[in-house]
């Protein structure tokens, strides 16, 4: 996940400059696009509980991660600013929906005594992935194209999707007992 984030956060501005006719036009479009993306991210997060209830955590996580890859492919292949912005907005909706599903699975899979450590390790892993992708995708974009770097990021995002199916077995922790007033 951390590896792929670079594609839609850091590579968007230069990609938008490529398809919109220059830096000035890209700058004009970025502010409203980023604002809308954050709103859509919040709406995606709000949809996550429904997705989990409807499809289960594993299936929702897998589908969302695949969707994440597909939307980044859309960003990489968009031929104009409108297509790129629509793909970017879809990417952020999926990004917003994925986070609560992912962290919900992490929380349910780990005993409370180890949860802070595992959540911390999960965050650190994502940050390391982002650092590596900054180097790898940046060099790849310089050597080939921004589109190629975005497509590689999309493949990495989508390739992680089956890992969510490991969570199919359900929670491994005991349910919290109900406290009653006596």
C-alpha atoms as a PDB file:
ATOM      1  CA  UNK A   1       0.000   0.000   0.000  1.00  0.00           C
ATOM      2  CA  UNK A   2       2.741   2.422   0.960  1.00  0.00           C
ATOM      3  CA  UNK A   3       4.544   1.715  -2.308  1.00  0.00           C
ATOM      4  CA  UNK A   4       1.485   2.562  -4.406  1.00  0.00           C
ATOM      5  CA  UNK A   5       0.501   5.744  -2.576  1.00  0.00           C
ATOM      6  CA  UNK A   6       3.288   7.615  -4.328  1.00  0.00           C
ATOM      7  CA  UNK A   7       1.521   7.137  -7.666  1.00  0.00           C
ATOM      8  CA  UNK A   8      -1.563   9.085  -6.696  1.00  0.00           C
ATOM      9  CA  UNK A   9      -0.045  11.556  -4.280  1.00  0.00           C
ATOM     10  CA  UNK A  10       3.363  12.508  -5.676  1.00  0.00           C
ATOM     11  CA  UNK A  11       3.075  11.650  -9.360  1.00  0.00           C
ATOM     12  CA  UNK A  12      -0.302  13.357  -9.895  1.00  0.00           C
ATOM     13  CA  UNK A  13       1.033  16.925 -10.341  1.00  0.00           C
ATOM     14  CA  UNK A  14       3.629  16.110 -13.020  1.00  0.00           C
ATOM     15  CA  UNK A  15       1.197  13.729 -14.743  1.00  0.00           C
ATOM     16  CA  UNK A  16      -1.453  16.454 -14.764  1.00  0.00           C
ATOM     17  CA  UNK A  17       1.076  18.880 -16.258  1.00  0.00           C
ATOM     18  CA  UNK A  18       1.733  16.324 -19.012  1.00  0.00           C
ATOM     19  CA  UNK A  19      -1.908  15.931 -20.002  1.00  0.00           C
ATOM     20  CA  UNK A  20      -3.168  19.465 -19.358  1.00  0.00           C
ATOM     21  CA  UNK A  21      -0.725  21.516 -21.375  1.00  0.00           C
ATOM     22  CA  UNK A  22       1.676  22.652 -18.708  1.00  0.00           C
ATOM     23  CA  UNK A  23       2.443  23.482 -15.126  1.00  0.00           C
ATOM     24  CA  UNK A  24       0.188  26.552 -14.923  1.00  0.00           C
ATOM     25  CA  UNK A  25      -2.899  24.666 -16.082  1.00  0.00           C
ATOM     26  CA  UNK A  26      -2.060  21.753 -13.783  1.00  0.00           C
ATOM     27  CA  UNK A  27      -1.704  24.136 -10.840  1.00  0.00           C
ATOM     28  CA  UNK A  28      -5.108  25.652 -11.598  1.00  0.00           C
ATOM     29  CA  UNK A  29      -6.723  22.209 -11.585  1.00  0.00           C
ATOM     30  CA  UNK A  30      -4.902  20.717  -8.595  1.00  0.00           C
ATOM     31  CA  UNK A  31      -6.477  22.708  -5.750  1.00  0.00           C
ATOM     32  CA  UNK A  32     -10.108  21.851  -6.507  1.00  0.00           C
ATOM     33  CA  UNK A  33      -9.168  18.282  -7.466  1.00  0.00           C
ATOM     34  CA  UNK A  34      -7.304  17.621  -4.229  1.00  0.00           C
ATOM     35  CA  UNK A  35     -10.126  19.145  -2.187  1.00  0.00           C
ATOM     36  CA  UNK A  36     -12.687  16.948  -3.926  1.00  0.00           C
ATOM     37  CA  UNK A  37     -10.428  13.923  -3.464  1.00  0.00           C
ATOM     38  CA  UNK A  38     -10.335  14.398   0.304  1.00  0.00           C
ATOM     39  CA  UNK A  39     -14.126  14.683   0.413  1.00  0.00           C
ATOM     40  CA  UNK A  40     -14.417  11.478  -1.611  1.00  0.00           C
ATOM     41  CA  UNK A  41     -11.897   9.786   0.671  1.00  0.00           C
ATOM     42  CA  UNK A  42     -14.143  10.603   3.632  1.00  0.00           C
ATOM     43  CA  UNK A  43     -17.160   9.240   1.745  1.00  0.00           C
ATOM     44  CA  UNK A  44     -15.198   6.075   0.983  1.00  0.00           C
ATOM     45  CA  UNK A  45     -14.384   5.689   4.675  1.00  0.00           C
ATOM     46  CA  UNK A  46     -18.064   6.159   5.486  1.00  0.00           C
ATOM     47  CA  UNK A  47     -18.951   3.396   3.004  1.00  0.00           C
ATOM     48  CA  UNK A  48     -16.447   0.923   4.481  1.00  0.00           C
ATOM     49  CA  UNK A  49     -18.704  -0.424   7.267  1.00  0.00           C
ATOM     50  CA  UNK A  50     -21.455  -1.156   4.751  1.00  0.00           C
ATOM     51  CA  UNK A  51     -18.964  -2.909   2.446  1.00  0.00           C
ATOM     52  CA  UNK A  52     -17.721  -5.074   5.330  1.00  0.00           C
ATOM     53  CA  UNK A  53     -21.272  -5.964   6.431  1.00  0.00           C
ATOM     54  CA  UNK A  54     -22.310  -6.753   2.859  1.00  0.00           C
ATOM     55  CA  UNK A  55     -19.248  -8.665   1.619  1.00  0.00           C
ATOM     56  CA  UNK A  56     -17.079  -9.397   4.663  1.00  0.00           C
ATOM     57  CA  UNK A  57     -13.712  -7.875   5.509  1.00  0.00           C
ATOM     58  CA  UNK A  58     -11.591 -10.198   3.388  1.00  0.00           C
ATOM     59  CA  UNK A  59     -13.637  -9.827   0.203  1.00  0.00           C
ATOM     60  CA  UNK A  60     -14.046  -6.080   0.685  1.00  0.00           C
ATOM     61  CA  UNK A  61     -10.329  -5.611   1.351  1.00  0.00           C
ATOM     62  CA  UNK A  62      -9.373  -7.712  -1.659  1.00  0.00           C
ATOM     63  CA  UNK A  63     -11.818  -5.963  -4.006  1.00  0.00           C
ATOM     64  CA  UNK A  64     -10.844  -2.512  -2.775  1.00  0.00           C
ATOM     65  CA  UNK A  65      -7.138  -3.209  -3.224  1.00  0.00           C
ATOM     66  CA  UNK A  66      -7.813  -4.488  -6.757  1.00  0.00           C
ATOM     67  CA  UNK A  67      -9.909  -1.372  -7.340  1.00  0.00           C
ATOM     68  CA  UNK A  68      -7.036   0.716  -6.070  1.00  0.00           C
ATOM     69  CA  UNK A  69      -4.778  -0.797  -8.704  1.00  0.00           C
ATOM     70  CA  UNK A  70      -7.376  -0.315 -11.449  1.00  0.00           C
ATOM     71  CA  UNK A  71      -7.940   3.346 -10.601  1.00  0.00           C
ATOM     72  CA  UNK A  72      -4.195   4.031 -10.619  1.00  0.00           C
ATOM     73  CA  UNK A  73      -4.025   2.359 -14.055  1.00  0.00           C
ATOM     74  CA  UNK A  74      -6.720   4.848 -15.083  1.00  0.00           C
ATOM     75  CA  UNK A  75      -4.530   7.690 -13.846  1.00  0.00           C
ATOM     76  CA  UNK A  76      -1.566   6.368 -15.786  1.00  0.00           C
ATOM     77  CA  UNK A  77      -3.455   5.856 -19.030  1.00  0.00           C
ATOM     78  CA  UNK A  78      -5.672   8.957 -18.969  1.00  0.00           C
ATOM     79  CA  UNK A  79      -5.251  10.954 -22.147  1.00  0.00           C
ATOM     80  CA  UNK A  80      -6.450  14.280 -20.837  1.00  0.00           C
ATOM     81  CA  UNK A  81      -6.973  16.254 -17.640  1.00  0.00           C
ATOM     82  CA  UNK A  82     -10.633  15.282 -17.204  1.00  0.00           C
ATOM     83  CA  UNK A  83      -9.881  11.560 -17.389  1.00  0.00           C
ATOM     84  CA  UNK A  84      -6.909  11.886 -15.066  1.00  0.00           C
ATOM     85  CA  UNK A  85      -8.902  13.854 -12.503  1.00  0.00           C
ATOM     86  CA  UNK A  86     -11.829  11.403 -12.606  1.00  0.00           C
ATOM     87  CA  UNK A  87      -9.417   8.478 -12.115  1.00  0.00           C
ATOM     88  CA  UNK A  88      -7.702  10.385  -9.285  1.00  0.00           C
ATOM     89  CA  UNK A  89     -11.034  11.034  -7.567  1.00  0.00           C
ATOM     90  CA  UNK A  90     -11.967   7.361  -7.876  1.00  0.00           C
ATOM     91  CA  UNK A  91      -8.556   6.434  -6.478  1.00  0.00           C
ATOM     92  CA  UNK A  92      -9.156   8.572  -3.418  1.00  0.00           C
ATOM     93  CA  UNK A  93     -12.621   7.127  -2.819  1.00  0.00           C
ATOM     94  CA  UNK A  94     -11.097   3.635  -2.880  1.00  0.00           C
ATOM     95  CA  UNK A  95      -8.191   4.806  -0.712  1.00  0.00           C
ATOM     96  CA  UNK A  96     -10.635   6.148   1.867  1.00  0.00           C
ATOM     97  CA  UNK A  97     -12.698   2.955   1.862  1.00  0.00           C
ATOM     98  CA  UNK A  98      -9.675   0.668   2.058  1.00  0.00           C
ATOM     99  CA  UNK A  99      -8.116   2.170   5.166  1.00  0.00           C
ATOM    100  CA  UNK A 100     -10.867   1.301   7.688  1.00  0.00           C
ATOM    101  CA  UNK A 101     -11.283  -2.168   6.182  1.00  0.00           C
ATOM    102  CA  UNK A 102      -7.533  -2.796   6.376  1.00  0.00           C
ATOM    103  CA  UNK A 103      -7.082  -1.490   9.903  1.00  0.00           C
ATOM    104  CA  UNK A 104     -10.236  -3.251  11.088  1.00  0.00           C
ATOM    105  CA  UNK A 105      -8.759  -6.531   9.896  1.00  0.00           C
ATOM    106  CA  UNK A 106      -5.449  -5.765  11.593  1.00  0.00           C
ATOM    107  CA  UNK A 107      -7.188  -4.932  14.877  1.00  0.00           C
ATOM    108  CA  UNK A 108      -9.330  -8.074  14.825  1.00  0.00           C
ATOM    109  CA  UNK A 109      -6.415 -10.358  13.952  1.00  0.00           C
ATOM    110  CA  UNK A 110      -4.223  -9.385  16.893  1.00  0.00           C
ATOM    111  CA  UNK A 111      -4.683  -9.779  20.625  1.00  0.00           C
ATOM    112  CA  UNK A 112      -5.074  -6.488  22.458  1.00  0.00           C
ATOM    113  CA  UNK A 113      -1.763  -6.971  24.282  1.00  0.00           C
ATOM    114  CA  UNK A 114       0.088  -6.906  20.925  1.00  0.00           C
ATOM    115  CA  UNK A 115      -2.191  -4.620  18.927  1.00  0.00           C
ATOM    116  CA  UNK A 116      -0.226  -1.379  19.376  1.00  0.00           C
ATOM    117  CA  UNK A 117       2.974  -3.094  18.271  1.00  0.00           C
ATOM    118  CA  UNK A 118       1.377  -4.666  15.197  1.00  0.00           C
ATOM    119  CA  UNK A 119      -0.405  -1.459  14.177  1.00  0.00           C
ATOM    120  CA  UNK A 120       2.889   0.385  14.599  1.00  0.00           C
ATOM    121  CA  UNK A 121       4.744  -2.206  12.517  1.00  0.00           C
ATOM    122  CA  UNK A 122       2.018  -1.961   9.874  1.00  0.00           C
ATOM    123  CA  UNK A 123       2.466   1.804   9.720  1.00  0.00           C
ATOM    124  CA  UNK A 124       6.243   1.517   9.587  1.00  0.00           C
ATOM    125  CA  UNK A 125       6.020  -1.022   6.770  1.00  0.00           C
ATOM    126  CA  UNK A 126       3.825   1.380   4.810  1.00  0.00           C
ATOM    127  CA  UNK A 127       6.290   4.216   5.371  1.00  0.00           C
ATOM    128  CA  UNK A 128       9.214   2.065   4.237  1.00  0.00           C
ATOM    129  CA  UNK A 129       7.222   1.091   1.147  1.00  0.00           C
ATOM    130  CA  UNK A 130       6.622   4.771   0.432  1.00  0.00           C
ATOM    131  CA  UNK A 131      10.302   5.591   0.852  1.00  0.00           C
ATOM    132  CA  UNK A 132      11.345   2.776  -1.462  1.00  0.00           C
ATOM    133  CA  UNK A 133       8.736   3.735  -4.044  1.00  0.00           C
ATOM    134  CA  UNK A 134       9.879   7.345  -3.956  1.00  0.00           C
ATOM    135  CA  UNK A 135      13.278   6.197  -5.129  1.00  0.00           C
ATOM    136  CA  UNK A 136      12.179   3.382  -7.446  1.00  0.00           C
ATOM    137  CA  UNK A 137       9.172   5.045  -9.072  1.00  0.00           C
ATOM    138  CA  UNK A 138      10.932   8.399  -9.293  1.00  0.00           C
ATOM    139  CA  UNK A 139      13.892   6.830 -11.079  1.00  0.00           C
ATOM    140  CA  UNK A 140      11.560   4.809 -13.287  1.00  0.00           C
ATOM    141  CA  UNK A 141       9.556   7.924 -14.214  1.00  0.00           C
ATOM    142  CA  UNK A 142      12.782   9.754 -15.080  1.00  0.00           C
ATOM    143  CA  UNK A 143      14.124   6.841 -17.129  1.00  0.00           C
ATOM    144  CA  UNK A 144      10.866   5.987 -18.929  1.00  0.00           C
ATOM    145  CA  UNK A 145       7.716   7.972 -18.209  1.00  0.00           C
ATOM    146  CA  UNK A 146       5.355   8.945 -15.419  1.00  0.00           C
ATOM    147  CA  UNK A 147       2.794   6.617 -16.992  1.00  0.00           C
ATOM    148  CA  UNK A 148       5.160   3.652 -16.651  1.00  0.00           C
ATOM    149  CA  UNK A 149       5.835   4.491 -13.001  1.00  0.00           C
ATOM    150  CA  UNK A 150       2.096   4.740 -12.316  1.00  0.00           C
ATOM    151  CA  UNK A 151       1.427   1.417 -14.015  1.00  0.00           C
ATOM    152  CA  UNK A 152       4.125  -0.301 -11.946  1.00  0.00           C
ATOM    153  CA  UNK A 153       2.615   1.185  -8.779  1.00  0.00           C
ATOM    154  CA  UNK A 154      -0.822  -0.039  -9.877  1.00  0.00           C
ATOM    155  CA  UNK A 155       0.475  -3.577 -10.353  1.00  0.00           C
ATOM    156  CA  UNK A 156       2.075  -3.539  -6.897  1.00  0.00           C
ATOM    157  CA  UNK A 157      -1.172  -2.281  -5.328  1.00  0.00           C
ATOM    158  CA  UNK A 158      -3.299  -4.894  -7.084  1.00  0.00           C
ATOM    159  CA  UNK A 159      -0.807  -7.693  -6.423  1.00  0.00           C
ATOM    160  CA  UNK A 160      -1.375  -7.259  -2.691  1.00  0.00           C
ATOM    161  CA  UNK A 161      -5.132  -7.864  -3.027  1.00  0.00           C
ATOM    162  CA  UNK A 162      -5.082 -11.656  -2.470  1.00  0.00           C
ATOM    163  CA  UNK A 163      -3.314 -11.128   0.851  1.00  0.00           C
ATOM    164  CA  UNK A 164      -6.599  -9.825   2.261  1.00  0.00           C
ATOM    165  CA  UNK A 165      -8.145 -13.245   1.698  1.00  0.00           C
ATOM    166  CA  UNK A 166      -5.908 -14.606   4.459  1.00  0.00           C
ATOM    167  CA  UNK A 167      -8.325 -12.852   6.817  1.00  0.00           C
ATOM    168  CA  UNK A 168     -11.254 -15.036   5.700  1.00  0.00           C
ATOM    169  CA  UNK A 169     -11.046 -17.224   8.777  1.00  0.00           C
ATOM    170  CA  UNK A 170     -12.306 -14.351  10.900  1.00  0.00           C
ATOM    171  CA  UNK A 171     -11.015 -12.898  14.117  1.00  0.00           C
ATOM    172  CA  UNK A 172      -8.524 -14.873  16.145  1.00  0.00           C
ATOM    173  CA  UNK A 173      -9.114 -13.003  19.377  1.00  0.00           C
ATOM    174  CA  UNK A 174     -11.734 -13.746  21.972  1.00  0.00           C
ATOM    175  CA  UNK A 175     -14.762 -11.453  22.038  1.00  0.00           C
ATOM    176  CA  UNK A 176     -14.797  -8.860  24.787  1.00  0.00           C
ATOM    177  CA  UNK A 177     -17.137 -10.004  27.584  1.00  0.00           C
ATOM    178  CA  UNK A 178     -20.156  -7.818  28.233  1.00  0.00           C
ATOM    179  CA  UNK A 179     -20.134  -5.938  31.517  1.00  0.00           C
ATOM    180  CA  UNK A 180     -23.456  -5.935  33.324  1.00  0.00           C
ATOM    181  CA  UNK A 181     -24.546  -3.868  36.261  1.00  0.00           C
ATOM    182  CA  UNK A 182     -25.454  -6.104  39.200  1.00  0.00           C
END
